[in-house]
């Protein structure tokens, strides 16, 4: 016996699947109800929400960050700049 976890997008698809279970000698073992705040947003949807709120402003200047990080680089053996 195997157990599967299945996500269903629409109530119509859920009803169709439940109607097929007896024909497949299968049954529902555990019904999980979606919890509030338990949304399954895609990366694109999350990025769009961040952009709609004005984006990320705490990051600073990426060029300045890169210059700072590169200043930490050590000279490799046998190489001179």
PDB file of N, CA and C in Angstrom:
ATOM      1  N   UNK A   1       0.849  -1.173   0.000  1.00  0.00           N
ATOM      2  CA  UNK A   1       0.000   0.000   0.000  1.00  0.00           C
ATOM      3  C   UNK A   1       0.892   1.232   0.000  1.00  0.00           C
ATOM      4  N   UNK A   2       0.501   2.244  -0.766  1.00  0.00           N
ATOM      5  CA  UNK A   2       1.210   3.513  -0.833  1.00  0.00           C
ATOM      6  C   UNK A   2       0.278   4.639  -0.462  1.00  0.00           C
ATOM      7  N   UNK A   3       0.854   5.709   0.068  1.00  0.00           N
ATOM      8  CA  UNK A   3       0.080   6.912   0.357  1.00  0.00           C
ATOM      9  C   UNK A   3       0.670   8.059  -0.450  1.00  0.00           C
ATOM     10  N   UNK A   4      -0.200   8.875  -1.020  1.00  0.00           N
ATOM     11  CA  UNK A   4       0.208  10.015  -1.824  1.00  0.00           C
ATOM     12  C   UNK A   4      -0.402  11.285  -1.257  1.00  0.00           C
ATOM     13  N   UNK A   5       0.303  12.374  -1.407  1.00  0.00           N
ATOM     14  CA  UNK A   5      -0.240  13.687  -1.088  1.00  0.00           C
ATOM     15  C   UNK A   5      -0.483  14.386  -2.412  1.00  0.00           C
ATOM     16  N   UNK A   6      -1.707  14.841  -2.624  1.00  0.00           N
ATOM     17  CA  UNK A   6      -2.088  15.439  -3.903  1.00  0.00           C
ATOM     18  C   UNK A   6      -2.657  16.823  -3.649  1.00  0.00           C
ATOM     19  N   UNK A   7      -2.206  17.792  -4.433  1.00  0.00           N
ATOM     20  CA  UNK A   7      -2.787  19.127  -4.385  1.00  0.00           C
ATOM     21  C   UNK A   7      -3.755  19.265  -5.545  1.00  0.00           C
ATOM     22  N   UNK A   8      -4.936  19.783  -5.263  1.00  0.00           N
ATOM     23  CA  UNK A   8      -5.964  19.935  -6.288  1.00  0.00           C
ATOM     24  C   UNK A   8      -6.324  21.403  -6.402  1.00  0.00           C
ATOM     25  N   UNK A   9      -6.367  21.907  -7.630  1.00  0.00           N
ATOM     26  CA  UNK A   9      -6.563  23.334  -7.855  1.00  0.00           C
ATOM     27  C   UNK A   9      -8.013  23.774  -7.738  1.00  0.00           C
ATOM     28  N   UNK A  10      -8.946  22.945  -8.195  1.00  0.00           N
ATOM     29  CA  UNK A  10     -10.339  23.389  -8.211  1.00  0.00           C
ATOM     30  C   UNK A  10     -11.233  22.381  -7.492  1.00  0.00           C
ATOM     31  N   UNK A  11     -12.357  22.845  -6.966  1.00  0.00           N
ATOM     32  CA  UNK A  11     -13.301  21.923  -6.322  1.00  0.00           C
ATOM     33  C   UNK A  11     -13.853  20.890  -7.296  1.00  0.00           C
ATOM     34  N   UNK A  12     -13.989  21.261  -8.561  1.00  0.00           N
ATOM     35  CA  UNK A  12     -14.501  20.307  -9.561  1.00  0.00           C
ATOM     36  C   UNK A  12     -13.531  19.144  -9.738  1.00  0.00           C
ATOM     37  N   UNK A  13     -12.225  19.449  -9.783  1.00  0.00           N
ATOM     38  CA  UNK A  13     -11.215  18.398  -9.910  1.00  0.00           C
ATOM     39  C   UNK A  13     -11.216  17.491  -8.674  1.00  0.00           C
ATOM     40  N   UNK A  14     -11.421  18.090  -7.524  1.00  0.00           N
ATOM     41  CA  UNK A  14     -11.471  17.313  -6.281  1.00  0.00           C
ATOM     42  C   UNK A  14     -12.637  16.326  -6.316  1.00  0.00           C
ATOM     43  N   UNK A  15     -13.797  16.795  -6.731  1.00  0.00           N
ATOM     44  CA  UNK A  15     -14.972  15.922  -6.796  1.00  0.00           C
ATOM     45  C   UNK A  15     -14.757  14.783  -7.796  1.00  0.00           C
ATOM     46  N   UNK A  16     -14.129  15.087  -8.923  1.00  0.00           N
ATOM     47  CA  UNK A  16     -13.842  14.056  -9.924  1.00  0.00           C
ATOM     48  C   UNK A  16     -12.904  12.999  -9.363  1.00  0.00           C
ATOM     49  N   UNK A  17     -11.875  13.438  -8.676  1.00  0.00           N
ATOM     50  CA  UNK A  17     -10.924  12.495  -8.080  1.00  0.00           C
ATOM     51  C   UNK A  17     -11.601  11.632  -7.023  1.00  0.00           C
ATOM     52  N   UNK A  18     -12.419  12.243  -6.166  1.00  0.00           N
ATOM     53  CA  UNK A  18     -13.105  11.481  -5.122  1.00  0.00           C
ATOM     54  C   UNK A  18     -14.069  10.459  -5.719  1.00  0.00           C
ATOM     55  N   UNK A  19     -14.674  10.786  -6.867  1.00  0.00           N
ATOM     56  CA  UNK A  19     -15.576   9.844  -7.528  1.00  0.00           C
ATOM     57  C   UNK A  19     -14.811   8.663  -8.120  1.00  0.00           C
ATOM     58  N   UNK A  20     -13.563   8.892  -8.512  1.00  0.00           N
ATOM     59  CA  UNK A  20     -12.752   7.815  -9.110  1.00  0.00           C
ATOM     60  C   UNK A  20     -12.141   6.869  -8.078  1.00  0.00           C
ATOM     61  N   UNK A  21     -11.979   7.324  -6.855  1.00  0.00           N
ATOM     62  CA  UNK A  21     -11.294   6.520  -5.849  1.00  0.00           C
ATOM     63  C   UNK A  21     -11.884   5.120  -5.658  1.00  0.00           C
ATOM     64  N   UNK A  22     -13.191   4.950  -5.530  1.00  0.00           N
ATOM     65  CA  UNK A  22     -13.710   3.590  -5.345  1.00  0.00           C
ATOM     66  C   UNK A  22     -13.405   2.667  -6.535  1.00  0.00           C
ATOM     67  N   UNK A  23     -13.388   3.198  -7.739  1.00  0.00           N
ATOM     68  CA  UNK A  23     -13.086   2.373  -8.914  1.00  0.00           C
ATOM     69  C   UNK A  23     -11.633   1.915  -8.919  1.00  0.00           C
ATOM     70  N   UNK A  24     -10.771   2.639  -8.214  1.00  0.00           N
ATOM     71  CA  UNK A  24      -9.350   2.305  -8.147  1.00  0.00           C
ATOM     72  C   UNK A  24      -8.988   1.580  -6.855  1.00  0.00           C
ATOM     73  N   UNK A  25      -9.994   1.156  -6.089  1.00  0.00           N
ATOM     74  CA  UNK A  25      -9.787   0.532  -4.785  1.00  0.00           C
ATOM     75  C   UNK A  25      -8.924   1.415  -3.881  1.00  0.00           C
ATOM     76  N   UNK A  26      -9.216   2.708  -3.893  1.00  0.00           N
ATOM     77  CA  UNK A  26      -8.479   3.672  -3.083  1.00  0.00           C
ATOM     78  C   UNK A  26      -9.446   4.389  -2.163  1.00  0.00           C
ATOM     79  N   UNK A  27      -8.906   5.037  -1.157  1.00  0.00           N
ATOM     80  CA  UNK A  27      -9.742   5.772  -0.216  1.00  0.00           C
ATOM     81  C   UNK A  27      -8.974   6.976   0.311  1.00  0.00           C
ATOM     82  N   UNK A  28      -9.710   7.917   0.877  1.00  0.00           N
ATOM     83  CA  UNK A  28      -9.106   9.088   1.502  1.00  0.00           C
ATOM     84  C   UNK A  28      -8.726   8.698   2.926  1.00  0.00           C
ATOM     85  N   UNK A  29      -7.453   8.863   3.258  1.00  0.00           N
ATOM     86  CA  UNK A  29      -6.978   8.510   4.587  1.00  0.00           C
ATOM     87  C   UNK A  29      -6.996   9.720   5.508  1.00  0.00           C
ATOM     88  N   UNK A  30      -6.558  10.862   5.004  1.00  0.00           N
ATOM     89  CA  UNK A  30      -6.437  12.049   5.828  1.00  0.00           C
ATOM     90  C   UNK A  30      -6.766  13.264   4.972  1.00  0.00           C
ATOM     91  N   UNK A  31      -7.796  13.999   5.360  1.00  0.00           N
ATOM     92  CA  UNK A  31      -8.150  15.224   4.647  1.00  0.00           C
ATOM     93  C   UNK A  31      -7.479  16.383   5.351  1.00  0.00           C
ATOM     94  N   UNK A  32      -6.617  17.090   4.644  1.00  0.00           N
ATOM     95  CA  UNK A  32      -5.958  18.262   5.214  1.00  0.00           C
ATOM     96  C   UNK A  32      -6.653  19.500   4.678  1.00  0.00           C
ATOM     97  N   UNK A  33      -7.078  20.349   5.575  1.00  0.00           N
ATOM     98  CA  UNK A  33      -7.715  21.596   5.194  1.00  0.00           C
ATOM     99  C   UNK A  33      -6.641  22.675   5.092  1.00  0.00           C
ATOM    100  N   UNK A  34      -6.718  23.536   4.088  1.00  0.00           N
ATOM    101  CA  UNK A  34      -5.747  24.621   4.004  1.00  0.00           C
ATOM    102  C   UNK A  34      -5.862  25.543   5.217  1.00  0.00           C
ATOM    103  N   UNK A  35      -4.730  25.922   5.766  1.00  0.00           N
ATOM    104  CA  UNK A  35      -4.689  26.806   6.918  1.00  0.00           C
ATOM    105  C   UNK A  35      -4.610  28.258   6.441  1.00  0.00           C
ATOM    106  N   UNK A  36      -5.184  29.187   7.195  1.00  0.00           N
ATOM    107  CA  UNK A  36      -5.054  30.600   6.816  1.00  0.00           C
ATOM    108  C   UNK A  36      -3.581  31.005   6.776  1.00  0.00           C
ATOM    109  N   UNK A  37      -3.218  31.758   5.767  1.00  0.00           N
ATOM    110  CA  UNK A  37      -1.832  32.180   5.611  1.00  0.00           C
ATOM    111  C   UNK A  37      -0.930  31.098   5.059  1.00  0.00           C
ATOM    112  N   UNK A  38      -1.509  30.001   4.598  1.00  0.00           N
ATOM    113  CA  UNK A  38      -0.758  28.859   4.101  1.00  0.00           C
ATOM    114  C   UNK A  38      -0.783  28.833   2.576  1.00  0.00           C
ATOM    115  N   UNK A  39      -0.776  30.021   1.965  1.00  0.00           N
ATOM    116  CA  UNK A  39      -0.931  30.082   0.516  1.00  0.00           C
ATOM    117  C   UNK A  39       0.316  29.579  -0.183  1.00  0.00           C
ATOM    118  N   UNK A  40       0.132  29.028  -1.347  1.00  0.00           N
ATOM    119  CA  UNK A  40       1.218  28.504  -2.165  1.00  0.00           C
ATOM    120  C   UNK A  40       1.448  29.456  -3.320  1.00  0.00           C
ATOM    121  N   UNK A  41       2.101  30.566  -3.043  1.00  0.00           N
ATOM    122  CA  UNK A  41       2.364  31.547  -4.082  1.00  0.00           C
ATOM    123  C   UNK A  41       3.632  31.164  -4.828  1.00  0.00           C
ATOM    124  N   UNK A  42       3.627  31.452  -6.112  1.00  0.00           N
ATOM    125  CA  UNK A  42       4.828  31.191  -6.905  1.00  0.00           C
ATOM    126  C   UNK A  42       5.834  32.305  -6.655  1.00  0.00           C
ATOM    127  N   UNK A  43       7.064  32.075  -7.072  1.00  0.00           N
ATOM    128  CA  UNK A  43       8.102  33.083  -6.921  1.00  0.00           C
ATOM    129  C   UNK A  43       7.711  34.369  -7.636  1.00  0.00           C
ATOM    130  N   UNK A  44       7.138  34.238  -8.820  1.00  0.00           N
ATOM    131  CA  UNK A  44       6.750  35.412  -9.607  1.00  0.00           C
ATOM    132  C   UNK A  44       5.688  36.222  -8.858  1.00  0.00           C
ATOM    133  N   UNK A  45       4.700  35.546  -8.266  1.00  0.00           N
ATOM    134  CA  UNK A  45       3.657  36.249  -7.518  1.00  0.00           C
ATOM    135  C   UNK A  45       4.238  36.979  -6.309  1.00  0.00           C
ATOM    136  N   UNK A  46       5.162  36.352  -5.622  1.00  0.00           N
ATOM    137  CA  UNK A  46       5.796  36.980  -4.462  1.00  0.00           C
ATOM    138  C   UNK A  46       6.621  38.181  -4.902  1.00  0.00           C
ATOM    139  N   UNK A  47       7.377  38.033  -5.999  1.00  0.00           N
ATOM    140  CA  UNK A  47       8.179  39.149  -6.515  1.00  0.00           C
ATOM    141  C   UNK A  47       7.287  40.312  -6.943  1.00  0.00           C
ATOM    142  N   UNK A  48       6.148  40.006  -7.544  1.00  0.00           N
ATOM    143  CA  UNK A  48       5.208  41.060  -7.944  1.00  0.00           C
ATOM    144  C   UNK A  48       4.650  41.791  -6.729  1.00  0.00           C
ATOM    145  N   UNK A  49       4.382  41.064  -5.652  1.00  0.00           N
ATOM    146  CA  UNK A  49       3.897  41.703  -4.426  1.00  0.00           C
ATOM    147  C   UNK A  49       4.957  42.630  -3.845  1.00  0.00           C
ATOM    148  N   UNK A  50       6.224  42.191  -3.850  1.00  0.00           N
ATOM    149  CA  UNK A  50       7.314  43.033  -3.343  1.00  0.00           C
ATOM    150  C   UNK A  50       7.445  44.283  -4.202  1.00  0.00           C
ATOM    151  N   UNK A  51       7.385  44.117  -5.526  1.00  0.00           N
ATOM    152  CA  UNK A  51       7.501  45.261  -6.439  1.00  0.00           C
ATOM    153  C   UNK A  51       6.345  46.231  -6.247  1.00  0.00           C
ATOM    154  N   UNK A  52       5.141  45.711  -6.003  1.00  0.00           N
ATOM    155  CA  UNK A  52       3.975  46.577  -5.810  1.00  0.00           C
ATOM    156  C   UNK A  52       4.107  47.422  -4.548  1.00  0.00           C
ATOM    157  N   UNK A  53       4.854  46.928  -3.569  1.00  0.00           N
ATOM    158  CA  UNK A  53       5.051  47.671  -2.326  1.00  0.00           C
ATOM    159  C   UNK A  53       6.245  48.619  -2.404  1.00  0.00           C
ATOM    160  N   UNK A  54       6.849  48.734  -3.574  1.00  0.00           N
ATOM    161  CA  UNK A  54       7.969  49.663  -3.729  1.00  0.00           C
ATOM    162  C   UNK A  54       9.313  48.995  -3.856  1.00  0.00           C
ATOM    163  N   UNK A  55       9.357  47.685  -3.844  1.00  0.00           N
ATOM    164  CA  UNK A  55      10.616  46.976  -4.015  1.00  0.00           C
ATOM    165  C   UNK A  55      11.440  46.934  -2.742  1.00  0.00           C
ATOM    166  N   UNK A  56      12.669  46.482  -2.895  1.00  0.00           N
ATOM    167  CA  UNK A  56      13.586  46.363  -1.766  1.00  0.00           C
ATOM    168  C   UNK A  56      14.493  47.584  -1.789  1.00  0.00           C
ATOM    169  N   UNK A  57      14.443  48.376  -0.734  1.00  0.00           N
ATOM    170  CA  UNK A  57      15.235  49.600  -0.690  1.00  0.00           C
ATOM    171  C   UNK A  57      16.405  49.497   0.276  1.00  0.00           C
ATOM    172  N   UNK A  58      16.480  48.460   1.051  1.00  0.00           N
ATOM    173  CA  UNK A  58      17.518  48.351   2.074  1.00  0.00           C
ATOM    174  C   UNK A  58      18.820  47.760   1.546  1.00  0.00           C
ATOM    175  N   UNK A  59      18.884  47.431   0.275  1.00  0.00           N
ATOM    176  CA  UNK A  59      20.057  46.753  -0.259  1.00  0.00           C
ATOM    177  C   UNK A  59      21.216  47.703  -0.530  1.00  0.00           C
ATOM    178  N   UNK A  60      20.968  48.955  -0.813  1.00  0.00           N
ATOM    179  CA  UNK A  60      22.047  49.879  -1.110  1.00  0.00           C
ATOM    180  C   UNK A  60      22.499  49.769  -2.564  1.00  0.00           C
ATOM    181  N   UNK A  61      23.680  50.298  -2.834  1.00  0.00           N
ATOM    182  CA  UNK A  61      24.222  50.323  -4.185  1.00  0.00           C
ATOM    183  C   UNK A  61      24.965  49.016  -4.475  1.00  0.00           C
ATOM    184  N   UNK A  62      24.518  48.236  -5.457  1.00  0.00           N
ATOM    185  CA  UNK A  62      25.183  46.961  -5.735  1.00  0.00           C
ATOM    186  C   UNK A  62      26.623  47.130  -6.213  1.00  0.00           C
ATOM    187  N   UNK A  63      26.916  48.205  -6.928  1.00  0.00           N
ATOM    188  CA  UNK A  63      28.290  48.430  -7.399  1.00  0.00           C
ATOM    189  C   UNK A  63      29.232  48.679  -6.229  1.00  0.00           C
ATOM    190  N   UNK A  64      28.770  49.442  -5.243  1.00  0.00           N
ATOM    191  CA  UNK A  64      29.583  49.706  -4.051  1.00  0.00           C
ATOM    192  C   UNK A  64      29.831  48.412  -3.284  1.00  0.00           C
ATOM    193  N   UNK A  65      28.799  47.579  -3.168  1.00  0.00           N
ATOM    194  CA  UNK A  65      28.946  46.293  -2.483  1.00  0.00           C
ATOM    195  C   UNK A  65      29.996  45.439  -3.194  1.00  0.00           C
ATOM    196  N   UNK A  66      29.938  45.388  -4.523  1.00  0.00           N
ATOM    197  CA  UNK A  66      30.884  44.577  -5.280  1.00  0.00           C
ATOM    198  C   UNK A  66      32.316  45.090  -5.102  1.00  0.00           C
ATOM    199  N   UNK A  67      32.516  46.410  -5.125  1.00  0.00           N
ATOM    200  CA  UNK A  67      33.850  46.972  -4.908  1.00  0.00           C
ATOM    201  C   UNK A  67      34.379  46.601  -3.526  1.00  0.00           C
ATOM    202  N   UNK A  68      33.518  46.664  -2.522  1.00  0.00           N
ATOM    203  CA  UNK A  68      33.940  46.317  -1.166  1.00  0.00           C
ATOM    204  C   UNK A  68      34.332  44.851  -1.078  1.00  0.00           C
ATOM    205  N   UNK A  69      33.523  43.974  -1.643  1.00  0.00           N
ATOM    206  CA  UNK A  69      33.811  42.539  -1.587  1.00  0.00           C
ATOM    207  C   UNK A  69      35.119  42.222  -2.314  1.00  0.00           C
ATOM    208  N   UNK A  70      35.333  42.839  -3.458  1.00  0.00           N
ATOM    209  CA  UNK A  70      36.559  42.581  -4.215  1.00  0.00           C
ATOM    210  C   UNK A  70      37.796  43.123  -3.516  1.00  0.00           C
ATOM    211  N   UNK A  71      37.624  44.115  -2.656  1.00  0.00           N
ATOM    212  CA  UNK A  71      38.782  44.640  -1.915  1.00  0.00           C
ATOM    213  C   UNK A  71      39.293  43.614  -0.905  1.00  0.00           C
ATOM    214  N   UNK A  72      38.484  42.651  -0.560  1.00  0.00           N
ATOM    215  CA  UNK A  72      38.885  41.612   0.384  1.00  0.00           C
ATOM    216  C   UNK A  72      39.695  40.514  -0.288  1.00  0.00           C
ATOM    217  N   UNK A  73      39.669  40.452  -1.632  1.00  0.00           N
ATOM    218  CA  UNK A  73      40.367  39.388  -2.354  1.00  0.00           C
ATOM    219  C   UNK A  73      41.857  39.421  -2.035  1.00  0.00           C
ATOM    220  N   UNK A  74      42.411  38.241  -1.898  1.00  0.00           N
ATOM    221  CA  UNK A  74      43.847  38.170  -1.661  1.00  0.00           C
ATOM    222  C   UNK A  74      44.561  37.944  -2.986  1.00  0.00           C
ATOM    223  N   UNK A  75      45.825  38.272  -3.012  1.00  0.00           N
ATOM    224  CA  UNK A  75      46.612  38.055  -4.212  1.00  0.00           C
ATOM    225  C   UNK A  75      46.950  36.573  -4.309  1.00  0.00           C
ATOM    226  N   UNK A  76      46.714  35.987  -5.451  1.00  0.00           N
ATOM    227  CA  UNK A  76      46.999  34.569  -5.623  1.00  0.00           C
ATOM    228  C   UNK A  76      48.500  34.358  -5.816  1.00  0.00           C
ATOM    229  N   UNK A  77      48.972  33.185  -5.400  1.00  0.00           N
ATOM    230  CA  UNK A  77      50.401  32.872  -5.521  1.00  0.00           C
ATOM    231  C   UNK A  77      50.835  32.960  -6.985  1.00  0.00           C
ATOM    232  N   UNK A  78      51.950  33.639  -7.208  1.00  0.00           N
ATOM    233  CA  UNK A  78      52.512  33.725  -8.545  1.00  0.00           C
ATOM    234  C   UNK A  78      51.823  34.757  -9.435  1.00  0.00           C
ATOM    235  N   UNK A  79      50.878  35.511  -8.915  1.00  0.00           N
ATOM    236  CA  UNK A  79      50.172  36.503  -9.735  1.00  0.00           C
ATOM    237  C   UNK A  79      50.326  37.869  -9.099  1.00  0.00           C
ATOM    238  N   UNK A  80      50.544  38.839  -9.950  1.00  0.00           N
ATOM    239  CA  UNK A  80      50.606  40.223  -9.469  1.00  0.00           C
ATOM    240  C   UNK A  80      49.649  41.036 -10.314  1.00  0.00           C
ATOM    241  N   UNK A  81      49.012  41.989  -9.691  1.00  0.00           N
ATOM    242  CA  UNK A  81      48.052  42.824 -10.419  1.00  0.00           C
ATOM    243  C   UNK A  81      48.724  43.973 -11.096  1.00  0.00           C
TER     244      UNK A  81
END
